[in-house]
Every structure is written in structure tokens, then in C-alpha cells.
N, C-alpha and C. Protein backbone atom coordinates (compact mmCIF):
# COMPACT_ATOMS: atom_id res chain seq x y z
N UNK A 1 59.08 -75.51 -99.38
CA UNK A 1 60.30 -75.09 -99.06
C UNK A 1 60.23 -74.23 -97.68
N UNK A 2 60.91 -74.59 -96.81
CA UNK A 2 61.23 -73.92 -95.51
C UNK A 2 61.74 -72.64 -95.78
N UNK A 3 61.16 -71.38 -95.16
CA UNK A 3 61.62 -70.14 -95.11
C UNK A 3 63.28 -70.02 -95.07
N UNK A 4 63.87 -71.03 -94.04
CA UNK A 4 65.19 -70.97 -93.82
C UNK A 4 65.89 -71.27 -95.13
N UNK A 5 65.68 -72.33 -95.73
CA UNK A 5 66.23 -72.65 -97.06
C UNK A 5 65.71 -71.64 -98.22
N UNK A 6 64.66 -71.03 -98.18
CA UNK A 6 64.36 -70.16 -99.12
C UNK A 6 65.23 -68.77 -99.09
N UNK A 7 65.48 -68.62 -97.80
CA UNK A 7 66.52 -67.46 -97.64
C UNK A 7 67.91 -67.87 -97.98
N UNK A 8 68.23 -68.84 -97.63
CA UNK A 8 69.72 -69.38 -98.01
C UNK A 8 69.86 -69.30 -99.70
N UNK A 9 68.91 -69.74 -100.36
CA UNK A 9 68.63 -69.62 -101.76
C UNK A 9 68.85 -68.21 -102.29
N UNK A 10 68.09 -67.33 -101.70
CA UNK A 10 68.02 -66.05 -102.00
C UNK A 10 69.34 -65.24 -101.71
N UNK A 11 70.09 -65.56 -100.69
CA UNK A 11 71.35 -65.23 -100.40
C UNK A 11 72.40 -65.58 -101.43
N UNK A 12 72.12 -66.92 -101.58
CA UNK A 12 73.27 -67.68 -102.67
C UNK A 12 72.98 -66.93 -103.93
N UNK A 13 71.73 -66.81 -104.58
CA UNK A 13 71.61 -66.19 -105.85
C UNK A 13 72.01 -64.81 -105.94
N UNK A 14 71.90 -63.93 -104.92
CA UNK A 14 72.01 -62.67 -104.90
C UNK A 14 73.63 -62.55 -104.66
N UNK A 15 74.18 -63.41 -104.12
CA UNK A 15 75.56 -63.17 -103.90
C UNK A 15 76.56 -63.50 -105.15
N UNK A 16 75.96 -64.57 -105.75
CA UNK A 16 76.43 -65.04 -107.09
C UNK A 16 76.21 -63.95 -108.13
N UNK A 17 75.25 -63.17 -108.02
CA UNK A 17 74.87 -61.95 -109.13
C UNK A 17 75.83 -60.91 -108.55
N UNK A 18 76.01 -60.64 -107.31
CA UNK A 18 76.74 -59.46 -107.02
C UNK A 18 78.25 -59.72 -107.29
N UNK A 19 78.90 -61.11 -107.09
CA UNK A 19 80.34 -61.39 -107.43
C UNK A 19 80.38 -61.29 -108.84
N UNK A 20 79.25 -61.74 -109.81
CA UNK A 20 79.51 -61.56 -111.15
C UNK A 20 79.55 -60.06 -111.61
N UNK A 21 78.76 -59.23 -111.07
CA UNK A 21 78.80 -57.89 -111.42
C UNK A 21 80.17 -57.31 -110.99
N UNK A 22 80.71 -57.65 -109.69
CA UNK A 22 81.94 -57.07 -109.35
C UNK A 22 83.09 -57.57 -110.44
N UNK A 23 82.97 -59.00 -110.58
CA UNK A 23 84.15 -59.35 -111.66
C UNK A 23 84.04 -58.68 -112.88
N UNK A 24 82.74 -58.55 -113.56
CA UNK A 24 82.63 -57.88 -114.69
C UNK A 24 83.18 -56.51 -114.70
N UNK A 25 82.74 -55.67 -113.64
CA UNK A 25 83.47 -54.35 -113.51
C UNK A 25 85.05 -54.49 -113.51
N UNK A 26 85.58 -55.39 -112.71
CA UNK A 26 87.11 -55.74 -112.50
C UNK A 26 87.66 -56.05 -113.86
N UNK A 27 86.87 -57.08 -114.69
CA UNK A 27 87.44 -57.42 -115.90
C UNK A 27 87.48 -56.33 -116.88
N UNK A 28 86.63 -55.36 -116.95
CA UNK A 28 86.39 -54.44 -117.90
C UNK A 28 87.60 -53.37 -117.53
N UNK A 29 88.13 -53.43 -116.35
CA UNK A 29 89.20 -52.53 -116.03
C UNK A 29 88.65 -51.24 -115.42
N UNK A 30 87.41 -51.11 -115.06
CA UNK A 30 86.68 -49.94 -114.42
C UNK A 30 86.91 -49.62 -113.07
N UNK A 31 87.41 -50.54 -112.37
CA UNK A 31 87.69 -50.53 -110.97
C UNK A 31 88.29 -51.77 -110.55
N UNK A 32 89.09 -51.68 -109.39
CA UNK A 32 89.56 -52.77 -108.70
C UNK A 32 88.70 -53.45 -107.91
N UNK A 33 87.98 -54.35 -108.61
CA UNK A 33 86.56 -54.99 -107.79
C UNK A 33 86.69 -56.21 -107.80
N UNK A 34 87.81 -56.95 -107.71
CA UNK A 34 88.18 -58.42 -107.23
C UNK A 34 87.66 -58.77 -105.74
N UNK A 35 86.57 -58.53 -105.58
CA UNK A 35 86.07 -58.72 -104.08
C UNK A 35 86.59 -60.02 -103.73
N UNK A 36 86.31 -61.12 -104.33
CA UNK A 36 86.62 -62.57 -103.97
C UNK A 36 88.11 -62.73 -103.51
N UNK A 37 88.99 -62.38 -104.26
CA UNK A 37 90.47 -62.43 -103.75
C UNK A 37 90.68 -61.29 -102.63
N UNK A 38 90.16 -60.27 -102.65
CA UNK A 38 90.45 -59.18 -101.66
C UNK A 38 90.00 -59.79 -100.33
N UNK A 39 88.90 -60.45 -100.34
CA UNK A 39 88.42 -60.91 -98.98
C UNK A 39 89.40 -62.04 -98.62
N UNK A 40 89.60 -63.10 -99.79
CA UNK A 40 90.42 -64.22 -99.36
C UNK A 40 91.93 -64.02 -98.92
N UNK A 41 92.43 -62.72 -99.55
CA UNK A 41 93.86 -62.53 -99.13
C UNK A 41 93.84 -61.88 -97.79
N UNK A 42 92.75 -61.32 -97.35
CA UNK A 42 92.62 -60.76 -95.89
C UNK A 42 92.89 -62.09 -94.90
N UNK A 43 92.52 -63.09 -95.27
CA UNK A 43 92.67 -64.50 -94.57
C UNK A 43 94.09 -65.02 -94.74
N UNK A 44 94.41 -65.10 -96.08
CA UNK A 44 95.69 -65.71 -96.48
C UNK A 44 96.84 -64.75 -96.32
N UNK A 45 96.71 -63.63 -96.48
CA UNK A 45 97.73 -62.55 -96.19
C UNK A 45 98.50 -62.30 -97.51
N UNK A 46 97.97 -63.12 -98.64
CA UNK A 46 98.72 -62.90 -99.72
C UNK A 46 97.76 -63.36 -100.93
N UNK A 47 97.90 -62.85 -102.24
CA UNK A 47 96.92 -63.13 -103.28
C UNK A 47 96.75 -64.67 -103.55
N UNK A 48 97.99 -65.30 -103.77
CA UNK A 48 97.92 -66.66 -103.98
C UNK A 48 97.09 -67.62 -103.02
N UNK A 49 96.25 -68.43 -103.48
CA UNK A 49 95.25 -69.31 -102.71
C UNK A 49 94.30 -68.48 -101.83
N UNK A 50 93.96 -67.29 -102.53
CA UNK A 50 92.85 -66.42 -101.72
C UNK A 50 91.55 -66.73 -102.22
N UNK A 51 91.62 -67.33 -103.40
CA UNK A 51 90.22 -67.61 -104.08
C UNK A 51 89.23 -68.58 -103.29
N UNK A 52 89.44 -69.53 -102.72
CA UNK A 52 88.67 -70.37 -102.16
C UNK A 52 88.34 -69.74 -100.88
N UNK A 53 89.17 -69.36 -99.93
CA UNK A 53 88.57 -68.66 -98.92
C UNK A 53 87.63 -67.41 -99.20
N UNK A 54 88.20 -66.73 -100.09
CA UNK A 54 87.39 -65.62 -100.33
C UNK A 54 85.97 -66.05 -100.92
N UNK A 55 85.71 -67.06 -101.63
CA UNK A 55 84.55 -67.57 -102.16
C UNK A 55 83.61 -67.73 -100.98
N UNK A 56 84.21 -68.63 -100.04
CA UNK A 56 83.59 -69.19 -98.92
C UNK A 56 83.08 -68.01 -98.09
N UNK A 57 83.94 -67.04 -97.59
CA UNK A 57 83.43 -65.91 -96.83
C UNK A 57 82.48 -65.11 -97.50
N UNK A 58 82.63 -64.85 -98.76
CA UNK A 58 81.93 -63.93 -99.48
C UNK A 58 80.31 -64.45 -99.38
N UNK A 59 80.18 -65.97 -99.86
CA UNK A 59 78.80 -66.44 -99.99
C UNK A 59 78.42 -66.79 -98.68
N UNK A 60 79.30 -66.98 -97.65
CA UNK A 60 78.48 -66.92 -96.15
C UNK A 60 78.09 -65.80 -95.60
N UNK A 61 78.78 -64.73 -95.95
CA UNK A 61 78.46 -63.33 -95.74
C UNK A 61 77.13 -62.87 -96.33
N UNK A 62 77.01 -63.18 -97.64
CA UNK A 62 75.68 -63.06 -98.52
C UNK A 62 74.54 -63.78 -97.84
N UNK A 63 74.74 -64.93 -97.63
CA UNK A 63 73.62 -65.68 -97.03
C UNK A 63 73.19 -64.91 -95.52
N UNK A 64 74.13 -64.67 -94.82
CA UNK A 64 73.95 -63.98 -93.37
C UNK A 64 73.07 -62.63 -93.60
N UNK A 65 73.57 -61.78 -94.47
CA UNK A 65 73.14 -60.66 -94.72
C UNK A 65 71.62 -60.83 -95.32
N UNK A 66 71.30 -61.90 -96.23
CA UNK A 66 70.03 -62.11 -96.66
C UNK A 66 69.14 -62.31 -95.60
N UNK A 67 69.54 -63.29 -94.66
CA UNK A 67 68.74 -63.42 -93.32
C UNK A 67 68.33 -62.09 -92.71
N UNK A 68 69.47 -61.17 -92.51
CA UNK A 68 69.14 -60.09 -91.80
C UNK A 68 68.20 -59.13 -92.65
N UNK A 69 68.43 -59.17 -93.67
CA UNK A 69 67.39 -58.33 -94.77
C UNK A 69 65.87 -58.83 -94.58
N UNK A 70 65.75 -60.14 -94.81
CA UNK A 70 64.51 -60.90 -94.71
C UNK A 70 63.90 -60.66 -93.17
N UNK A 71 64.55 -60.81 -92.04
CA UNK A 71 64.25 -60.70 -90.90
C UNK A 71 63.70 -59.29 -90.61
N UNK A 72 64.37 -58.41 -91.09
CA UNK A 72 64.04 -56.86 -90.71
C UNK A 72 62.51 -56.53 -91.49
N UNK A 73 62.72 -57.13 -92.97
CA UNK A 73 61.52 -56.93 -93.84
C UNK A 73 60.25 -57.46 -93.06
N UNK A 74 60.48 -58.72 -92.63
CA UNK A 74 59.30 -59.48 -92.08
C UNK A 74 58.76 -58.82 -90.84
N UNK A 75 59.47 -57.97 -90.20
CA UNK A 75 58.83 -57.08 -89.01
C UNK A 75 58.16 -55.75 -89.39
N UNK A 76 58.16 -55.62 -90.79
CA UNK A 76 57.58 -54.33 -91.08
C UNK A 76 56.16 -54.58 -91.31
N UNK A 77 55.14 -53.52 -91.15
CA UNK A 77 53.84 -53.83 -91.39
C UNK A 77 53.36 -53.80 -92.83
N UNK A 78 53.61 -54.70 -93.42
CA UNK A 78 53.21 -54.83 -95.01
C UNK A 78 51.97 -55.66 -94.93
N UNK A 79 50.93 -55.15 -95.10
CA UNK A 79 49.52 -55.61 -95.21
C UNK A 79 49.51 -56.88 -96.25
N UNK A 80 49.11 -57.85 -95.79
CA UNK A 80 49.19 -59.22 -96.50
C UNK A 80 50.75 -59.48 -97.13
N UNK A 81 50.72 -59.86 -98.11
CA UNK A 81 52.15 -60.01 -98.78
C UNK A 81 52.19 -59.38 -100.11
N UNK A 82 53.18 -58.23 -100.14
CA UNK A 82 53.29 -57.50 -101.26
C UNK A 82 54.68 -57.65 -101.99
N UNK A 83 54.63 -58.44 -103.05
CA UNK A 83 55.72 -58.62 -104.03
C UNK A 83 56.53 -57.40 -104.21
N UNK A 84 55.94 -56.42 -104.64
CA UNK A 84 56.55 -55.17 -105.21
C UNK A 84 57.16 -54.43 -103.71
N UNK A 85 56.77 -54.62 -102.56
CA UNK A 85 57.31 -54.03 -101.55
C UNK A 85 58.62 -54.72 -101.08
N UNK A 86 58.78 -56.03 -101.27
CA UNK A 86 59.78 -56.83 -101.18
C UNK A 86 61.15 -56.26 -102.05
N UNK A 87 60.58 -56.01 -103.16
CA UNK A 87 61.71 -55.45 -104.43
C UNK A 87 62.12 -54.17 -103.99
N UNK A 88 61.04 -53.28 -103.61
CA UNK A 88 61.61 -51.94 -103.13
C UNK A 88 62.43 -51.97 -102.15
N UNK A 89 62.11 -52.80 -101.09
CA UNK A 89 62.77 -52.85 -99.80
C UNK A 89 64.16 -53.45 -100.23
N UNK A 90 64.39 -54.33 -101.11
CA UNK A 90 65.57 -54.94 -101.48
C UNK A 90 66.44 -53.76 -102.26
N UNK A 91 65.89 -52.92 -102.98
CA UNK A 91 66.56 -51.94 -103.49
C UNK A 91 66.98 -50.83 -102.40
N UNK A 92 66.32 -50.55 -101.57
CA UNK A 92 66.56 -49.56 -100.66
C UNK A 92 67.61 -50.18 -99.77
N UNK A 93 67.41 -51.40 -99.31
CA UNK A 93 68.20 -51.86 -98.00
C UNK A 93 69.62 -52.16 -98.96
N UNK A 94 69.79 -52.58 -100.37
CA UNK A 94 70.99 -52.87 -101.05
C UNK A 94 71.66 -51.58 -101.02
N UNK A 95 71.00 -50.52 -101.41
CA UNK A 95 71.64 -49.10 -101.53
C UNK A 95 72.21 -48.83 -100.14
N UNK A 96 71.31 -48.82 -98.94
CA UNK A 96 71.98 -48.35 -97.73
C UNK A 96 73.10 -49.17 -97.39
N UNK A 97 73.08 -50.43 -97.45
CA UNK A 97 74.07 -51.42 -97.23
C UNK A 97 75.42 -51.09 -98.02
N UNK A 98 75.00 -50.78 -99.29
CA UNK A 98 76.28 -50.43 -100.11
C UNK A 98 77.07 -49.23 -99.89
N UNK A 99 76.24 -48.21 -99.27
CA UNK A 99 76.89 -46.86 -98.82
C UNK A 99 77.80 -47.40 -97.62
N UNK A 100 77.17 -47.93 -96.66
CA UNK A 100 78.00 -48.45 -95.55
C UNK A 100 79.27 -49.01 -95.96
N UNK A 101 79.19 -50.20 -96.79
CA UNK A 101 80.05 -51.13 -97.35
C UNK A 101 81.18 -50.17 -98.00
N UNK A 102 80.73 -49.30 -98.94
CA UNK A 102 81.73 -48.67 -99.72
C UNK A 102 82.59 -47.58 -99.00
N UNK A 103 81.78 -46.97 -97.80
CA UNK A 103 82.56 -45.95 -96.97
C UNK A 103 83.62 -46.83 -96.11
N UNK A 104 83.13 -47.97 -95.69
CA UNK A 104 84.18 -48.62 -94.68
C UNK A 104 85.24 -49.33 -95.57
N UNK A 105 85.12 -49.63 -96.85
CA UNK A 105 85.90 -50.14 -97.67
C UNK A 105 87.10 -49.15 -97.97
N UNK A 106 86.67 -48.13 -98.38
CA UNK A 106 87.61 -46.96 -98.94
C UNK A 106 88.20 -46.41 -97.57
N UNK A 107 87.59 -46.27 -96.60
CA UNK A 107 88.15 -45.53 -95.52
C UNK A 107 89.06 -46.48 -94.58
N UNK A 108 88.57 -47.67 -94.39
CA UNK A 108 89.22 -48.29 -93.24
C UNK A 108 89.96 -49.73 -93.89
N UNK A 109 89.21 -50.29 -94.87
CA UNK A 109 89.80 -51.76 -95.05
C UNK A 109 90.86 -51.52 -96.12
N UNK A 110 90.86 -50.59 -97.02
CA UNK A 110 92.08 -50.48 -97.95
C UNK A 110 93.19 -50.13 -97.28
N UNK A 111 93.22 -49.26 -96.52
CA UNK A 111 94.51 -49.03 -95.82
C UNK A 111 95.26 -49.79 -94.97
N UNK A 112 94.44 -50.84 -94.64
CA UNK A 112 95.00 -51.89 -93.71
C UNK A 112 95.15 -53.35 -94.27
N UNK A 113 94.76 -53.11 -95.62
CA UNK A 113 94.73 -54.42 -96.28
C UNK A 113 96.23 -54.92 -96.63
N UNK A 114 96.27 -56.31 -96.49
CA UNK A 114 97.75 -56.94 -96.27
C UNK A 114 98.50 -56.94 -97.80
N UNK A 115 97.44 -56.88 -98.83
CA UNK A 115 98.09 -57.02 -100.35
C UNK A 115 98.06 -55.74 -100.76
N UNK A 116 99.25 -54.95 -101.35
CA UNK A 116 99.32 -53.90 -101.75
C UNK A 116 98.23 -53.44 -102.94
N UNK A 117 98.08 -54.38 -103.80
CA UNK A 117 97.10 -54.23 -105.10
C UNK A 117 95.70 -53.72 -104.61
N UNK A 118 95.19 -54.08 -103.37
CA UNK A 118 93.82 -53.76 -102.81
C UNK A 118 94.15 -52.64 -101.80
N UNK A 119 95.07 -52.04 -101.70
CA UNK A 119 95.22 -50.82 -100.69
C UNK A 119 94.86 -49.36 -101.39
N UNK A 120 94.56 -49.53 -102.74
CA UNK A 120 94.16 -48.17 -103.20
C UNK A 120 92.70 -48.35 -103.74
N UNK A 121 91.83 -47.76 -102.81
CA UNK A 121 90.37 -47.83 -103.13
C UNK A 121 89.90 -46.50 -103.18
N UNK A 122 89.55 -46.01 -104.26
CA UNK A 122 89.08 -44.66 -104.56
C UNK A 122 87.54 -44.85 -104.84
N UNK A 123 87.13 -43.47 -105.52
CA UNK A 123 85.77 -43.44 -105.93
C UNK A 123 85.32 -44.52 -106.49
N UNK A 124 85.93 -45.03 -107.67
CA UNK A 124 85.44 -45.86 -108.53
C UNK A 124 85.10 -47.31 -107.88
N UNK A 125 86.01 -47.61 -106.75
CA UNK A 125 85.82 -48.88 -106.10
C UNK A 125 84.46 -48.81 -105.18
N UNK A 126 84.41 -47.55 -104.60
CA UNK A 126 83.11 -47.41 -103.79
C UNK A 126 81.93 -47.35 -104.53
N UNK A 127 82.08 -46.71 -105.97
CA UNK A 127 80.55 -47.03 -106.69
C UNK A 127 80.49 -48.44 -107.28
N UNK A 128 81.54 -48.98 -107.56
CA UNK A 128 81.42 -50.59 -107.96
C UNK A 128 80.78 -51.20 -106.79
N UNK A 129 81.14 -51.01 -105.66
CA UNK A 129 80.54 -51.82 -104.43
C UNK A 129 79.17 -51.29 -104.20
N UNK A 130 78.78 -50.08 -104.29
CA UNK A 130 77.46 -49.45 -104.14
C UNK A 130 76.61 -50.27 -104.90
N UNK A 131 77.01 -50.09 -106.42
CA UNK A 131 76.29 -50.99 -107.54
C UNK A 131 75.94 -52.45 -107.31
N UNK A 132 77.10 -53.01 -106.83
CA UNK A 132 76.88 -54.33 -106.57
C UNK A 132 75.87 -54.71 -105.48
N UNK A 133 76.06 -53.97 -104.25
CA UNK A 133 75.11 -54.20 -103.03
C UNK A 133 73.54 -53.84 -103.58
N UNK A 134 73.48 -52.92 -104.55
CA UNK A 134 71.98 -52.70 -104.99
C UNK A 134 71.50 -53.95 -105.78
N UNK A 135 72.35 -54.49 -106.57
CA UNK A 135 72.11 -55.65 -107.25
C UNK A 135 71.84 -56.82 -106.16
N UNK A 136 72.63 -56.93 -105.25
CA UNK A 136 72.26 -58.01 -104.12
C UNK A 136 71.14 -57.56 -103.50
N UNK A 137 70.68 -56.61 -102.99
CA UNK A 137 69.45 -56.26 -102.49
C UNK A 137 68.33 -56.61 -103.20
N UNK A 138 68.61 -56.21 -104.42
CA UNK A 138 67.26 -56.29 -105.43
C UNK A 138 67.03 -57.67 -105.79
N UNK A 139 68.00 -58.68 -105.76
CA UNK A 139 67.80 -60.01 -105.88
C UNK A 139 67.33 -60.74 -104.83
N UNK A 140 67.80 -60.32 -103.49
CA UNK A 140 67.15 -60.95 -102.40
C UNK A 140 65.62 -60.53 -102.26
N UNK A 141 65.27 -59.26 -102.54
CA UNK A 141 64.01 -58.99 -102.66
C UNK A 141 63.21 -59.67 -103.81
N UNK A 142 63.79 -59.84 -105.03
CA UNK A 142 63.11 -60.76 -106.07
C UNK A 142 62.79 -62.14 -105.56
N UNK A 143 64.01 -62.69 -105.05
CA UNK A 143 63.85 -64.18 -104.58
C UNK A 143 62.81 -64.34 -103.61
N UNK A 144 63.12 -63.28 -102.41
CA UNK A 144 62.31 -63.57 -101.32
C UNK A 144 60.99 -63.33 -101.57
N UNK A 145 60.71 -62.37 -102.42
CA UNK A 145 59.12 -61.83 -102.80
C UNK A 145 58.77 -62.92 -103.48
N UNK A 146 59.35 -63.47 -104.55
CA UNK A 146 58.83 -64.63 -105.37
C UNK A 146 58.13 -65.92 -104.64
N UNK A 147 59.10 -66.08 -103.55
CA UNK A 147 58.95 -67.15 -102.61
C UNK A 147 58.09 -66.85 -101.54
N UNK A 148 57.72 -65.64 -101.27
CA UNK A 148 56.81 -65.16 -100.21
C UNK A 148 57.49 -65.57 -99.03
N UNK A 149 58.87 -65.30 -98.81
CA UNK A 149 59.55 -65.63 -97.59
C UNK A 149 59.15 -64.61 -96.38
N UNK A 150 58.94 -65.24 -95.31
CA UNK A 150 58.81 -64.67 -94.07
C UNK A 150 59.57 -65.12 -92.87
N UNK A 151 60.18 -64.31 -92.25
CA UNK A 151 61.05 -64.80 -90.99
C UNK A 151 60.81 -63.69 -89.89
N UNK A 152 59.52 -63.99 -89.50
CA UNK A 152 58.92 -62.96 -88.36
C UNK A 152 59.46 -63.58 -87.10
N UNK A 153 60.82 -63.11 -86.67
CA UNK A 153 61.28 -63.64 -85.51
C UNK A 153 61.45 -62.26 -84.58
N UNK A 154 61.34 -61.23 -85.26
CA UNK A 154 61.26 -59.91 -84.31
C UNK A 154 59.85 -59.57 -84.08
N UNK A 155 59.67 -58.58 -83.26
CA UNK A 155 58.21 -58.14 -83.03
C UNK A 155 58.09 -57.03 -84.18
N UNK A 156 56.90 -56.85 -84.46
CA UNK A 156 56.63 -56.00 -85.50
C UNK A 156 57.02 -54.44 -85.01
N UNK A 157 57.91 -53.99 -86.26
CA UNK A 157 58.45 -52.60 -85.91
C UNK A 157 57.54 -51.44 -85.66
N UNK A 158 56.18 -51.74 -86.48
CA UNK A 158 55.31 -50.56 -86.05
C UNK A 158 53.99 -51.15 -85.56
């Protein structure tokens, strides 16, 4: 399988798991983590009919971020191929990505969201998104590592 298709697969699987984790957090009432509808309602400006655009945008974003992760990882000086390195990089990258997203979500997105339900984003929402991004990064690392994906389009970083 070509590295491009492998990366799409990694992004799809990781986004599905991330979406499932966010839905479980939302369903259990731990935080307002209905990210699919939140993303979709930014486009539709209302909660009704937000699911399909939210799914499309969330999965496309997940695939794009999987490419960004793998491209950067491929430029790192990892001797031969080390599966554990991709898993560790996935955890680290997902955590860093989650910190940024959580901050932006709580500080910028929530206060300007068109649907009142999604305008209240506190610490529990930030923690939910941080955890979900760690899951995303871990799964991109696991899938890319298992398939030995390399997208060396950047010069080596070191």
C-alpha cells in the first residue's frame, strides 16, 4: 500500500477513535464534547443538520493532521525504523496538539460560536479535547508505525 493511502488510513482510524472518545465523554455527561455537531454548526450556524458537515470536516481535518504528523516524523533522524519511536512521537505530538486546540477552543472558538450550547467551554472541555488528541496521536503513531509509513518530503530536521 502506498504511504499516502497508509497515512489516510491512519488519519481515518485515529479520527474515528478520537470522535468516539469525545462522544463517550459527552454521552457520560463529563463535558460538552459533542465535537462533530460543534464543528458542523459553525458551518450551518445552527445545531440542526450539523452532523454531516461536522463529520466531513472532522475526518478531513484528522487526515490532514495525520499527514502533518507523519511528514514531520519522517524528517526526524530515527535510525532505521523504530515502531516505539512512532508511538512515542504520536503521544507527544497528540499531547502538544491537544494543548493548542484546548487553549484555542476555550479562549477563542467558544466565545464566538454561533450556537449557545457550545459557547460555554471550561476546564472539563479543555481536558476532554486534550485526552482525545492524545488518543488521536497515539493511534496515528500506532498505525503509521505498524505500517512503517514514511513521507520524507522535508529535508532531515537534524
